[in-house]
Amino acid sequence: MMRYPIFLLSFLITGCKQPIKDADIPGVTEAELEKFLLPDSVYVILEPDSDLPWAFKDEKPATLSEAELIEIEKILEKAIEENNHHQREMLEQHNKNHPDRQIAETGYELRTEGYKRQYVPILNSKGQKEIWINFFCSDNFNDSWRKGVVWVLDGGNCYFNLKINLATKTYSELRINGYA
């Protein structure tokens, strides 16, 4: 007799969860959806504008689907992994060459947790979808970051950006701000 209420309760709890949009994305597992879908509060998708003349040429505005956001995350993970590997190599070399001035990090290691993001998706002249992504860890921008690109000089790895090409599944132009 007790089994029925427990079954009903567990059915109601799991059945009332908000379904994930695009849950039937081909080639994407539910675990990937859970890992890569970001809450709306940490990112915004902006239209390309004249503030980015160096970022894209002959572009046309584009949109992003949840499947593309997941693909971006996979490429982004690779970019961060490669950057951080390079930073560890530089750190080891520095500490080997300067035993009297050991340091624990370069200041250019990257992560994505705790950062806000601005995505600017375009179709390039070849018809390929490219996305310029701007990352920043500061909350000093109120909601203005949702309306236009955040530009900051210095700040180190608290501010970085890169381009991702979804057609070629590659990244380029990873830029990390310097330190004053």
Protein backbone atom coordinates (compact mmCIF):
# COMPACT_ATOMS: atom_id res chain seq x y z
CA MET A 1 0.00 0.00 0.00
CA MET A 2 2.89 2.38 0.78
CA ARG A 3 4.52 1.79 -2.63
CA TYR A 4 1.81 3.57 -4.58
CA PRO A 5 2.15 7.02 -2.84
CA ILE A 6 5.95 6.89 -3.10
CA PHE A 7 5.74 6.00 -6.81
CA LEU A 8 3.16 8.74 -7.39
CA LEU A 9 5.25 11.30 -5.51
CA SER A 10 8.44 10.45 -7.41
CA PHE A 11 6.49 10.55 -10.72
CA LEU A 12 5.09 13.99 -9.91
CA ILE A 13 8.48 15.35 -8.86
CA THR A 14 10.29 14.14 -11.97
CA GLY A 15 7.35 14.83 -14.26
CA CYS A 16 7.06 18.46 -13.14
CA LYS A 17 10.62 19.44 -14.00
CA GLN A 18 10.85 22.08 -16.66
CA PRO A 19 11.79 20.29 -19.89
CA ILE A 20 15.00 21.36 -21.53
CA LYS A 21 14.35 23.05 -24.84
CA ASP A 22 15.82 21.26 -27.86
CA ALA A 23 16.13 18.05 -25.78
CA ASP A 24 16.20 16.06 -29.02
CA ILE A 25 19.28 17.71 -30.47
CA PRO A 26 20.95 15.12 -32.72
CA GLY A 27 24.29 13.98 -31.34
CA VAL A 28 23.87 15.77 -28.01
CA THR A 29 23.40 13.76 -24.84
CA GLU A 30 21.28 14.93 -21.92
CA ALA A 31 24.49 15.16 -19.85
CA GLU A 32 25.94 17.58 -22.41
CA LEU A 33 22.76 19.63 -22.27
CA GLU A 34 22.98 19.85 -18.48
CA LYS A 35 26.68 20.73 -18.60
CA PHE A 36 26.64 23.27 -21.38
CA LEU A 37 23.36 25.17 -21.23
CA LEU A 38 24.00 28.44 -19.47
CA PRO A 39 21.52 30.40 -17.41
CA ASP A 40 20.37 33.52 -19.24
CA SER A 41 21.80 35.64 -16.42
CA VAL A 42 25.39 34.98 -17.48
CA TYR A 43 25.25 35.63 -21.20
CA VAL A 44 23.76 37.85 -23.85
CA ILE A 45 23.70 37.57 -27.64
CA LEU A 46 24.46 40.90 -29.29
CA GLU A 47 24.15 42.06 -32.88
CA PRO A 48 27.39 42.98 -34.66
CA ASP A 49 27.99 46.72 -34.67
CA SER A 50 30.57 49.31 -35.58
CA ASP A 51 32.34 48.80 -32.24
CA LEU A 52 33.80 45.60 -33.69
CA PRO A 53 35.26 46.68 -37.06
CA TRP A 54 38.40 44.61 -36.45
CA ALA A 55 36.49 41.47 -35.42
CA PHE A 56 34.59 40.74 -38.61
CA LYS A 57 34.57 41.89 -42.22
CA ASP A 58 31.65 41.50 -44.64
CA GLU A 59 29.55 39.93 -41.93
CA LYS A 60 25.83 39.36 -41.76
CA PRO A 61 24.04 39.03 -38.42
CA ALA A 62 23.22 35.47 -37.34
CA THR A 63 21.38 33.71 -34.55
CA LEU A 64 22.46 30.96 -32.17
CA SER A 65 20.56 27.82 -31.24
CA GLU A 66 21.01 25.84 -28.03
CA ALA A 67 22.76 23.11 -30.04
CA GLU A 68 25.24 25.74 -31.29
CA LEU A 69 25.79 27.04 -27.76
CA ILE A 70 26.69 23.49 -26.74
CA GLU A 71 29.08 23.17 -29.69
CA ILE A 72 30.65 26.52 -28.77
CA GLU A 73 31.26 25.22 -25.24
CA LYS A 74 33.08 22.17 -26.56
CA ILE A 75 35.37 24.32 -28.68
CA LEU A 76 35.80 26.78 -25.84
CA GLU A 77 36.87 23.97 -23.48
CA LYS A 78 39.59 23.04 -25.97
CA ALA A 79 40.77 26.65 -26.28
CA ILE A 80 41.02 27.05 -22.51
CA GLU A 81 42.72 23.69 -22.08
CA GLU A 82 45.33 24.55 -24.73
CA ASN A 83 45.90 28.03 -23.29
CA ASN A 84 46.29 26.72 -19.75
CA HIS A 85 48.67 23.97 -20.91
CA HIS A 86 50.80 26.62 -22.60
CA GLN A 87 50.70 28.77 -19.44
CA ARG A 88 51.85 25.79 -17.30
CA GLU A 89 54.75 25.20 -19.70
CA MET A 90 55.77 28.86 -19.49
CA LEU A 91 55.48 28.77 -15.69
CA GLU A 92 57.66 25.66 -15.43
CA GLN A 93 60.27 27.22 -17.73
CA HIS A 94 60.26 30.45 -15.74
CA ASN A 95 60.64 28.64 -12.41
CA LYS A 96 63.42 26.47 -13.85
CA ASN A 97 65.31 29.50 -15.21
CA HIS A 98 64.70 31.66 -12.12
CA PRO A 99 64.90 29.48 -8.99
CA ASP A 100 65.20 32.62 -6.86
CA ARG A 101 61.93 34.09 -8.29
CA GLN A 102 59.42 31.24 -8.20
CA ILE A 103 55.83 32.05 -9.11
CA ALA A 104 52.68 29.96 -8.72
CA GLU A 105 50.80 31.18 -11.80
CA THR A 106 51.29 33.35 -14.88
CA GLY A 107 48.11 35.37 -14.45
CA TYR A 108 46.93 34.34 -17.91
CA GLU A 109 45.32 31.03 -16.98
CA LEU A 110 41.66 30.92 -17.99
CA ARG A 111 38.39 29.48 -16.76
CA THR A 112 34.76 30.22 -17.53
CA GLU A 113 33.07 29.83 -14.15
CA GLY A 114 32.08 33.18 -12.67
CA TYR A 115 32.32 35.06 -15.97
CA LYS A 116 29.65 36.90 -17.90
CA ARG A 117 29.67 36.43 -21.67
CA GLN A 118 28.76 38.46 -24.71
CA TYR A 119 28.23 36.48 -27.94
CA VAL A 120 28.29 38.23 -31.31
CA PRO A 121 27.29 35.68 -33.99
CA ILE A 122 27.74 36.41 -37.69
CA LEU A 123 27.81 34.68 -41.05
CA ASN A 124 31.16 35.38 -42.70
CA SER A 125 31.76 35.92 -46.42
CA LYS A 126 31.97 32.11 -46.89
CA GLY A 127 28.58 31.61 -45.22
CA GLN A 128 30.20 30.10 -42.12
CA LYS A 129 28.87 30.96 -38.69
CA GLU A 130 31.47 32.67 -36.51
CA ILE A 131 31.01 33.92 -32.98
CA TRP A 132 33.10 36.52 -31.19
CA ILE A 133 32.80 35.89 -27.45
CA ASN A 134 33.76 38.43 -24.83
CA PHE A 135 34.29 37.22 -21.23
CA PHE A 136 34.53 39.37 -18.12
CA CYS A 137 34.37 38.60 -14.42
CA SER A 138 33.43 42.03 -13.08
CA ASP A 139 29.92 42.92 -11.94
CA ASN A 140 30.60 46.66 -12.19
CA PHE A 141 28.54 47.05 -15.37
CA ASN A 142 25.01 46.70 -13.92
CA ASP A 143 22.87 45.67 -16.89
CA SER A 144 24.70 47.84 -19.44
CA TRP A 145 26.70 44.76 -20.53
CA ARG A 146 23.46 43.36 -21.96
CA LYS A 147 23.21 46.26 -24.43
CA GLY A 148 26.73 46.74 -25.76
CA VAL A 149 30.22 45.31 -25.83
CA VAL A 150 32.21 45.73 -22.62
CA TRP A 151 35.64 47.23 -23.30
CA VAL A 152 38.23 47.22 -20.53
CA LEU A 153 41.93 47.97 -20.65
CA ASP A 154 44.13 45.78 -18.50
CA GLY A 155 42.53 43.51 -15.90
CA GLY A 156 44.43 40.39 -16.94
CA ASN A 157 42.58 37.11 -17.22
CA CYS A 158 39.43 38.69 -15.81
CA TYR A 159 38.84 39.91 -19.38
CA PHE A 160 39.40 37.80 -22.48
CA ASN A 161 37.79 37.15 -25.85
CA LEU A 162 38.11 34.88 -28.86
CA LYS A 163 36.45 33.87 -32.11
CA ILE A 164 34.90 30.49 -32.77
CA ASN A 165 34.06 29.17 -36.22
CA LEU A 166 31.26 26.60 -35.97
CA ALA A 167 31.74 25.34 -39.53
CA THR A 168 35.38 24.39 -38.95
CA LYS A 169 34.96 23.76 -35.19
CA THR A 170 38.01 25.91 -34.48
CA TYR A 171 38.89 28.94 -32.41
CA SER A 172 41.19 31.85 -33.19
CA GLU A 173 42.33 35.22 -31.94
CA LEU A 174 42.29 34.35 -28.24
CA ARG A 175 43.10 37.63 -26.52
CA ILE A 176 43.69 37.99 -22.79
CA ASN A 177 43.93 41.47 -21.33
CA GLY A 178 47.27 42.54 -19.90
CA TYR A 179 48.11 43.94 -16.50
CA ALA A 180 48.82 47.62 -15.83
